[in-house]
């Protein structure tokens, strides 16, 4: 019985320590997890990386492609970018928990020469817009 109590106590202490992370620690952890495991599927995507800006409470996500920088690609990806962001939120590549803590996600979709094809800052306001757009699509799909 004493052994079980000790194990339970140790488990509770570990749980408390894990749950006491501050926002900067959570940002760094999110970036590390993203960079170690993230893959985004899509036409022409060659790589994706995240970078933490702890003093600004910001995470920058770069999605690099082999696409050309031209008006057609800019228009195409500007229109489809919100769907990609919704997918990233669904996959926790953009963290609702961090957004709730005031962290901004600055997401870039880049051509092969690092020119910006599409870019969006996802903060609380933008997250709400993306979430409401997802909800309206679900309602429309059910009808």
N, C-alpha and C. Protein backbone atom coordinates (compact mmCIF):
# COMPACT_ATOMS: atom_id res chain seq x y z
N UNK A 1 0.83 -1.19 0.00
CA UNK A 1 0.00 0.00 0.00
C UNK A 1 0.87 1.25 0.00
N UNK A 2 1.97 1.21 0.78
CA UNK A 2 2.86 2.36 0.86
C UNK A 2 3.49 2.63 -0.50
N UNK A 3 3.85 1.58 -1.22
CA UNK A 3 4.47 1.71 -2.54
C UNK A 3 3.50 2.35 -3.53
N UNK A 4 2.25 1.95 -3.49
CA UNK A 4 1.23 2.52 -4.37
C UNK A 4 1.04 4.00 -4.08
N UNK A 5 1.04 4.37 -2.82
CA UNK A 5 0.90 5.77 -2.43
C UNK A 5 2.09 6.58 -2.94
N UNK A 6 3.28 6.05 -2.83
CA UNK A 6 4.48 6.75 -3.31
C UNK A 6 4.43 6.94 -4.83
N UNK A 7 4.02 5.93 -5.55
CA UNK A 7 3.92 6.02 -7.00
C UNK A 7 2.86 7.05 -7.39
N UNK A 8 1.72 7.00 -6.71
CA UNK A 8 0.65 7.96 -7.00
C UNK A 8 1.11 9.39 -6.72
N UNK A 9 1.81 9.59 -5.62
CA UNK A 9 2.32 10.91 -5.26
C UNK A 9 3.31 11.40 -6.31
N UNK A 10 4.22 10.53 -6.74
CA UNK A 10 5.20 10.89 -7.76
C UNK A 10 4.50 11.27 -9.07
N UNK A 11 3.47 10.54 -9.42
CA UNK A 11 2.71 10.83 -10.63
C UNK A 11 2.05 12.19 -10.55
N UNK A 12 1.46 12.50 -9.39
CA UNK A 12 0.81 13.80 -9.20
C UNK A 12 1.82 14.94 -9.29
N UNK A 13 2.99 14.77 -8.72
CA UNK A 13 4.04 15.80 -8.77
C UNK A 13 4.46 16.03 -10.22
N UNK A 14 4.68 14.98 -10.97
CA UNK A 14 5.07 15.11 -12.38
C UNK A 14 3.97 15.82 -13.16
N UNK A 15 2.73 15.46 -12.90
CA UNK A 15 1.61 16.11 -13.58
C UNK A 15 1.57 17.60 -13.27
N UNK A 16 1.79 17.97 -12.03
CA UNK A 16 1.80 19.39 -11.66
C UNK A 16 2.93 20.13 -12.35
N UNK A 17 4.10 19.52 -12.40
CA UNK A 17 5.24 20.17 -13.05
C UNK A 17 4.98 20.37 -14.54
N UNK A 18 4.39 19.38 -15.19
CA UNK A 18 4.11 19.48 -16.62
C UNK A 18 3.07 20.56 -16.88
N UNK A 19 2.07 20.66 -16.04
CA UNK A 19 0.99 21.62 -16.27
C UNK A 19 1.38 23.04 -15.89
N UNK A 20 2.54 23.23 -15.31
CA UNK A 20 2.96 24.56 -14.87
C UNK A 20 3.87 25.25 -15.88
N UNK A 21 3.86 24.82 -17.12
CA UNK A 21 4.70 25.45 -18.13
C UNK A 21 4.17 26.84 -18.43
N UNK A 22 5.09 27.78 -18.63
CA UNK A 22 4.64 29.10 -19.03
C UNK A 22 4.50 29.15 -20.55
N UNK A 23 3.99 30.26 -21.05
CA UNK A 23 3.72 30.37 -22.49
C UNK A 23 4.98 30.22 -23.32
N UNK A 24 6.08 30.82 -22.89
CA UNK A 24 7.33 30.73 -23.66
C UNK A 24 7.81 29.29 -23.77
N UNK A 25 7.66 28.52 -22.69
CA UNK A 25 8.04 27.11 -22.74
C UNK A 25 7.13 26.33 -23.69
N UNK A 26 5.84 26.67 -23.67
CA UNK A 26 4.89 25.99 -24.56
C UNK A 26 5.18 26.34 -26.02
N UNK A 27 5.56 27.60 -26.27
CA UNK A 27 5.91 28.00 -27.64
C UNK A 27 7.09 27.17 -28.13
N UNK A 28 8.13 27.10 -27.31
CA UNK A 28 9.33 26.36 -27.71
C UNK A 28 9.02 24.89 -27.92
N UNK A 29 8.21 24.33 -27.05
CA UNK A 29 7.83 22.93 -27.18
C UNK A 29 7.04 22.70 -28.47
N UNK A 30 6.12 23.62 -28.77
CA UNK A 30 5.31 23.50 -29.98
C UNK A 30 6.20 23.55 -31.22
N UNK A 31 7.15 24.50 -31.24
CA UNK A 31 8.06 24.64 -32.38
C UNK A 31 8.91 23.38 -32.55
N UNK A 32 9.43 22.86 -31.46
CA UNK A 32 10.24 21.64 -31.52
C UNK A 32 9.42 20.47 -32.07
N UNK A 33 8.21 20.31 -31.56
CA UNK A 33 7.33 19.24 -32.02
C UNK A 33 7.01 19.41 -33.50
N UNK A 34 6.69 20.64 -33.90
CA UNK A 34 6.37 20.92 -35.30
C UNK A 34 7.54 20.55 -36.20
N UNK A 35 8.72 21.02 -35.85
CA UNK A 35 9.88 20.78 -36.70
C UNK A 35 10.30 19.32 -36.74
N UNK A 36 10.03 18.58 -35.68
CA UNK A 36 10.43 17.17 -35.64
C UNK A 36 9.42 16.24 -36.31
N UNK A 37 8.17 16.69 -36.44
CA UNK A 37 7.17 15.74 -36.92
C UNK A 37 6.25 16.26 -38.00
N UNK A 38 6.34 17.52 -38.33
CA UNK A 38 5.34 18.11 -39.20
C UNK A 38 5.57 17.79 -40.67
N UNK A 39 4.47 17.48 -41.31
CA UNK A 39 4.48 17.37 -42.75
C UNK A 39 3.14 17.91 -43.24
N UNK A 40 3.22 18.70 -44.27
CA UNK A 40 2.01 19.28 -44.84
C UNK A 40 1.93 18.77 -46.27
N UNK A 41 0.78 18.22 -46.60
CA UNK A 41 0.62 17.67 -47.94
C UNK A 41 0.04 18.74 -48.85
N UNK A 42 0.51 18.75 -50.07
CA UNK A 42 -0.03 19.68 -51.04
C UNK A 42 0.85 19.75 -52.26
N UNK A 43 0.32 20.32 -53.31
CA UNK A 43 1.03 20.43 -54.57
C UNK A 43 2.27 21.29 -54.42
N UNK A 44 3.41 20.72 -54.72
CA UNK A 44 4.64 21.50 -54.78
C UNK A 44 5.30 21.81 -53.46
N UNK A 45 4.75 21.38 -52.33
CA UNK A 45 5.35 21.70 -51.04
C UNK A 45 6.63 20.88 -50.86
N UNK A 46 7.73 21.58 -50.57
CA UNK A 46 9.01 20.90 -50.41
C UNK A 46 9.43 20.77 -48.96
N UNK A 47 9.07 21.75 -48.12
CA UNK A 47 9.40 21.66 -46.69
C UNK A 47 8.59 22.67 -45.90
N UNK A 48 8.59 22.46 -44.61
CA UNK A 48 7.93 23.40 -43.71
C UNK A 48 8.71 23.44 -42.40
N UNK A 49 8.87 24.66 -41.87
CA UNK A 49 9.59 24.83 -40.62
C UNK A 49 8.90 25.88 -39.76
N UNK A 50 9.10 25.75 -38.46
CA UNK A 50 8.56 26.72 -37.52
C UNK A 50 9.72 27.36 -36.76
N UNK A 51 9.55 28.60 -36.39
CA UNK A 51 10.57 29.34 -35.64
C UNK A 51 9.87 30.14 -34.55
N UNK A 52 10.44 30.09 -33.35
CA UNK A 52 9.85 30.80 -32.21
C UNK A 52 10.45 32.20 -32.08
N UNK A 53 9.58 33.16 -31.81
CA UNK A 53 9.98 34.52 -31.46
C UNK A 53 9.40 34.77 -30.07
N UNK A 54 10.15 34.35 -29.05
CA UNK A 54 9.63 34.32 -27.68
C UNK A 54 9.27 35.71 -27.17
N UNK A 55 10.08 36.71 -27.47
CA UNK A 55 9.80 38.06 -26.97
C UNK A 55 8.55 38.67 -27.59
N UNK A 56 8.19 38.20 -28.78
CA UNK A 56 7.01 38.71 -29.48
C UNK A 56 5.78 37.82 -29.30
N UNK A 57 5.93 36.71 -28.56
CA UNK A 57 4.84 35.73 -28.43
C UNK A 57 4.33 35.31 -29.81
N UNK A 58 5.26 34.93 -30.67
CA UNK A 58 4.92 34.63 -32.05
C UNK A 58 5.65 33.38 -32.52
N UNK A 59 4.97 32.62 -33.36
CA UNK A 59 5.57 31.48 -34.05
C UNK A 59 5.43 31.75 -35.55
N UNK A 60 6.55 31.67 -36.24
CA UNK A 60 6.54 31.84 -37.69
C UNK A 60 6.61 30.46 -38.32
N UNK A 61 5.69 30.19 -39.24
CA UNK A 61 5.68 28.93 -39.96
C UNK A 61 5.89 29.23 -41.44
N UNK A 62 6.94 28.62 -41.98
CA UNK A 62 7.28 28.80 -43.40
C UNK A 62 6.97 27.51 -44.14
N UNK A 63 6.14 27.63 -45.18
CA UNK A 63 5.82 26.49 -46.02
C UNK A 63 6.47 26.78 -47.38
N UNK A 64 7.52 26.04 -47.66
CA UNK A 64 8.29 26.28 -48.88
C UNK A 64 7.84 25.35 -49.98
N UNK A 65 7.82 25.88 -51.20
CA UNK A 65 7.35 25.11 -52.35
C UNK A 65 8.35 25.19 -53.50
N UNK A 66 8.06 24.42 -54.52
CA UNK A 66 8.84 24.52 -55.76
C UNK A 66 8.08 25.30 -56.83
N UNK A 67 7.09 26.08 -56.39
CA UNK A 67 6.24 26.83 -57.31
C UNK A 67 6.90 28.15 -57.74
N UNK A 68 6.51 28.60 -58.92
CA UNK A 68 6.99 29.89 -59.41
C UNK A 68 6.21 31.03 -58.77
N UNK A 69 6.87 32.17 -58.69
CA UNK A 69 6.20 33.37 -58.22
C UNK A 69 5.55 34.02 -59.45
N UNK A 70 4.24 33.82 -59.58
CA UNK A 70 3.50 34.48 -60.65
C UNK A 70 2.09 34.78 -60.17
N UNK A 71 1.37 35.59 -60.94
CA UNK A 71 0.04 36.03 -60.52
C UNK A 71 -0.94 34.88 -60.36
N UNK A 72 -0.84 33.89 -61.23
CA UNK A 72 -1.75 32.74 -61.15
C UNK A 72 -1.54 31.98 -59.84
N UNK A 73 -0.28 31.69 -59.50
CA UNK A 73 0.00 30.99 -58.25
C UNK A 73 -0.38 31.83 -57.04
N UNK A 74 -0.12 33.13 -57.09
CA UNK A 74 -0.49 34.00 -55.97
C UNK A 74 -1.99 33.97 -55.75
N UNK A 75 -2.77 34.08 -56.82
CA UNK A 75 -4.23 34.07 -56.71
C UNK A 75 -4.73 32.71 -56.22
N UNK A 76 -4.20 31.64 -56.80
CA UNK A 76 -4.61 30.29 -56.42
C UNK A 76 -4.37 30.04 -54.94
N UNK A 77 -3.18 30.38 -54.47
CA UNK A 77 -2.85 30.05 -53.08
C UNK A 77 -3.42 31.06 -52.10
N UNK A 78 -3.68 32.26 -52.53
CA UNK A 78 -4.37 33.22 -51.66
C UNK A 78 -5.79 32.71 -51.37
N UNK A 79 -6.42 32.13 -52.40
CA UNK A 79 -7.78 31.61 -52.23
C UNK A 79 -7.82 30.31 -51.43
N UNK A 80 -6.81 29.45 -51.60
CA UNK A 80 -6.84 28.15 -50.92
C UNK A 80 -6.13 28.18 -49.56
N UNK A 81 -5.45 29.26 -49.25
CA UNK A 81 -4.68 29.36 -48.01
C UNK A 81 -5.54 29.17 -46.76
N UNK A 82 -6.74 29.78 -46.69
CA UNK A 82 -7.57 29.55 -45.48
C UNK A 82 -7.88 28.08 -45.23
N UNK A 83 -8.08 27.30 -46.30
CA UNK A 83 -8.34 25.87 -46.11
C UNK A 83 -7.12 25.15 -45.55
N UNK A 84 -5.94 25.55 -46.02
CA UNK A 84 -4.70 24.97 -45.48
C UNK A 84 -4.56 25.33 -44.01
N UNK A 85 -4.86 26.57 -43.65
CA UNK A 85 -4.77 26.99 -42.24
C UNK A 85 -5.75 26.21 -41.38
N UNK A 86 -6.97 25.99 -41.87
CA UNK A 86 -7.97 25.21 -41.12
C UNK A 86 -7.46 23.79 -40.89
N UNK A 87 -6.83 23.22 -41.91
CA UNK A 87 -6.27 21.87 -41.78
C UNK A 87 -5.14 21.86 -40.74
N UNK A 88 -4.33 22.91 -40.74
CA UNK A 88 -3.24 23.00 -39.77
C UNK A 88 -3.80 23.13 -38.35
N UNK A 89 -4.89 23.85 -38.19
CA UNK A 89 -5.54 23.97 -36.87
C UNK A 89 -6.09 22.61 -36.45
N UNK A 90 -6.75 21.94 -37.38
CA UNK A 90 -7.32 20.62 -37.09
C UNK A 90 -6.23 19.64 -36.65
N UNK A 91 -5.04 19.73 -37.27
CA UNK A 91 -3.93 18.84 -36.94
C UNK A 91 -3.07 19.36 -35.79
N UNK A 92 -3.49 20.43 -35.15
CA UNK A 92 -2.78 21.06 -34.03
C UNK A 92 -1.39 21.57 -34.42
N UNK A 93 -1.20 21.86 -35.71
CA UNK A 93 0.03 22.49 -36.15
C UNK A 93 -0.04 24.00 -35.82
N UNK A 94 -1.25 24.50 -35.73
CA UNK A 94 -1.53 25.82 -35.17
C UNK A 94 -2.35 25.53 -33.92
N UNK A 95 -1.80 25.88 -32.76
CA UNK A 95 -2.37 25.46 -31.47
C UNK A 95 -3.40 26.46 -30.94
N UNK A 96 -4.63 25.97 -30.74
CA UNK A 96 -5.68 26.81 -30.15
C UNK A 96 -5.29 27.23 -28.73
N UNK A 97 -4.67 26.32 -28.00
CA UNK A 97 -4.25 26.64 -26.62
C UNK A 97 -3.28 27.82 -26.61
N UNK A 98 -2.31 27.82 -27.51
CA UNK A 98 -1.35 28.93 -27.56
C UNK A 98 -2.02 30.22 -28.04
N UNK A 99 -2.91 30.11 -28.99
CA UNK A 99 -3.64 31.31 -29.45
C UNK A 99 -4.44 31.90 -28.30
N UNK A 100 -5.07 31.03 -27.50
CA UNK A 100 -5.82 31.51 -26.32
C UNK A 100 -4.92 32.22 -25.32
N UNK A 101 -3.63 31.89 -25.34
CA UNK A 101 -2.67 32.54 -24.44
C UNK A 101 -2.03 33.78 -25.09
N UNK A 102 -2.53 34.18 -26.27
CA UNK A 102 -2.06 35.40 -26.91
C UNK A 102 -0.94 35.22 -27.92
N UNK A 103 -0.62 33.98 -28.26
CA UNK A 103 0.44 33.71 -29.25
C UNK A 103 -0.15 33.88 -30.65
N UNK A 104 0.65 34.49 -31.53
CA UNK A 104 0.26 34.66 -32.93
C UNK A 104 1.07 33.71 -33.79
N UNK A 105 0.41 33.15 -34.79
CA UNK A 105 1.08 32.29 -35.77
C UNK A 105 1.15 33.06 -37.08
N UNK A 106 2.36 33.35 -37.51
CA UNK A 106 2.59 34.07 -38.76
C UNK A 106 2.97 33.01 -39.80
N UNK A 107 2.04 32.71 -40.70
CA UNK A 107 2.21 31.59 -41.63
C UNK A 107 2.46 32.13 -43.04
N UNK A 108 3.55 31.65 -43.65
CA UNK A 108 3.94 32.06 -45.00
C UNK A 108 3.90 30.87 -45.94
N UNK A 109 3.37 31.07 -47.12
CA UNK A 109 3.41 30.09 -48.19
C UNK A 109 4.32 30.67 -49.26
N UNK A 110 5.46 30.06 -49.48
CA UNK A 110 6.53 30.66 -50.27
C UNK A 110 6.77 29.95 -51.60
N UNK A 111 7.13 30.76 -52.62
CA UNK A 111 7.56 30.22 -53.91
C UNK A 111 8.99 29.69 -53.77
N UNK A 112 9.49 29.06 -54.82
CA UNK A 112 10.83 28.47 -54.76
C UNK A 112 11.92 29.50 -54.48
N UNK A 113 11.69 30.77 -54.83
CA UNK A 113 12.69 31.82 -54.60
C UNK A 113 12.43 32.60 -53.30
N UNK A 114 11.60 32.02 -52.41
CA UNK A 114 11.22 32.60 -51.12
C UNK A 114 10.32 33.82 -51.23
N UNK A 115 9.77 34.08 -52.39
CA UNK A 115 8.76 35.14 -52.54
C UNK A 115 7.46 34.65 -51.90
N UNK A 116 6.74 35.55 -51.27
CA UNK A 116 5.51 35.17 -50.57
C UNK A 116 4.36 35.02 -51.57
N UNK A 117 3.78 33.82 -51.61
CA UNK A 117 2.59 33.58 -52.42
C UNK A 117 1.34 33.89 -51.61
N UNK A 118 1.37 33.56 -50.33
CA UNK A 118 0.25 33.85 -49.42
C UNK A 118 0.81 33.96 -48.01
N UNK A 119 0.18 34.81 -47.20
CA UNK A 119 0.65 35.00 -45.83
C UNK A 119 -0.53 35.41 -44.97
N UNK A 120 -0.58 34.90 -43.75
CA UNK A 120 -1.66 35.24 -42.84
C UNK A 120 -1.16 35.14 -41.41
N UNK A 121 -1.56 36.09 -40.58
CA UNK A 121 -1.29 36.01 -39.15
C UNK A 121 -2.54 35.45 -38.49
N UNK A 122 -2.37 34.31 -37.83
CA UNK A 122 -3.48 33.68 -37.14
C UNK A 122 -3.36 34.01 -35.65
N UNK A 123 -4.27 34.88 -35.21
CA UNK A 123 -4.38 35.25 -33.80
C UNK A 123 -5.81 34.91 -33.36
N UNK A 124 -6.23 35.41 -32.22
CA UNK A 124 -7.57 35.07 -31.72
C UNK A 124 -8.66 35.46 -32.72
N UNK A 125 -8.55 36.66 -33.31
CA UNK A 125 -9.57 37.12 -34.25
C UNK A 125 -9.61 36.26 -35.51
N UNK A 126 -8.45 36.03 -36.10
CA UNK A 126 -8.39 35.24 -37.33
C UNK A 126 -8.79 33.79 -37.06
N UNK A 127 -8.41 33.27 -35.90
CA UNK A 127 -8.81 31.91 -35.53
C UNK A 127 -10.34 31.80 -35.51
N UNK A 128 -11.00 32.82 -34.93
CA UNK A 128 -12.46 32.82 -34.87
C UNK A 128 -13.07 32.85 -36.27
N UNK A 129 -12.46 33.62 -37.17
CA UNK A 129 -12.95 33.68 -38.56
C UNK A 129 -12.81 32.32 -39.23
N UNK A 130 -11.64 31.71 -39.08
CA UNK A 130 -11.41 30.40 -39.69
C UNK A 130 -12.34 29.34 -39.11
N UNK A 131 -12.53 29.41 -37.81
CA UNK A 131 -13.40 28.44 -37.13
C UNK A 131 -14.85 28.60 -37.58
N UNK A 132 -15.32 29.85 -37.69
CA UNK A 132 -16.71 30.07 -38.11
C UNK A 132 -16.91 29.66 -39.57
N UNK A 133 -15.89 29.86 -40.41
CA UNK A 133 -15.97 29.41 -41.80
C UNK A 133 -16.06 27.89 -41.86
N UNK A 134 -15.33 27.20 -40.99
CA UNK A 134 -15.38 25.74 -40.94
C UNK A 134 -16.77 25.27 -40.51
N UNK A 135 -17.32 25.95 -39.52
CA UNK A 135 -18.64 25.57 -39.02
C UNK A 135 -19.71 25.79 -40.09
N UNK A 136 -19.64 26.89 -40.83
CA UNK A 136 -20.65 27.15 -41.86
C UNK A 136 -20.53 26.13 -42.99
N UNK A 137 -19.31 25.67 -43.31
CA UNK A 137 -19.15 24.64 -44.32
C UNK A 137 -19.76 23.32 -43.85
N UNK A 138 -19.62 23.00 -42.55
CA UNK A 138 -20.19 21.76 -42.02
C UNK A 138 -21.71 21.81 -42.10
N UNK A 139 -22.31 22.96 -41.77
CA UNK A 139 -23.76 23.11 -41.82
C UNK A 139 -24.23 22.98 -43.26
N UNK A 140 -23.53 23.62 -44.19
CA UNK A 140 -23.89 23.55 -45.60
C UNK A 140 -23.78 22.12 -46.11
N UNK A 141 -22.76 21.41 -45.70
CA UNK A 141 -22.56 20.03 -46.14
C UNK A 141 -23.69 19.12 -45.64
N UNK A 142 -24.21 19.39 -44.44
CA UNK A 142 -25.29 18.58 -43.88
C UNK A 142 -26.61 18.83 -44.59
N UNK A 143 -26.79 20.03 -45.15
CA UNK A 143 -28.04 20.36 -45.84
C UNK A 143 -28.04 19.68 -47.17
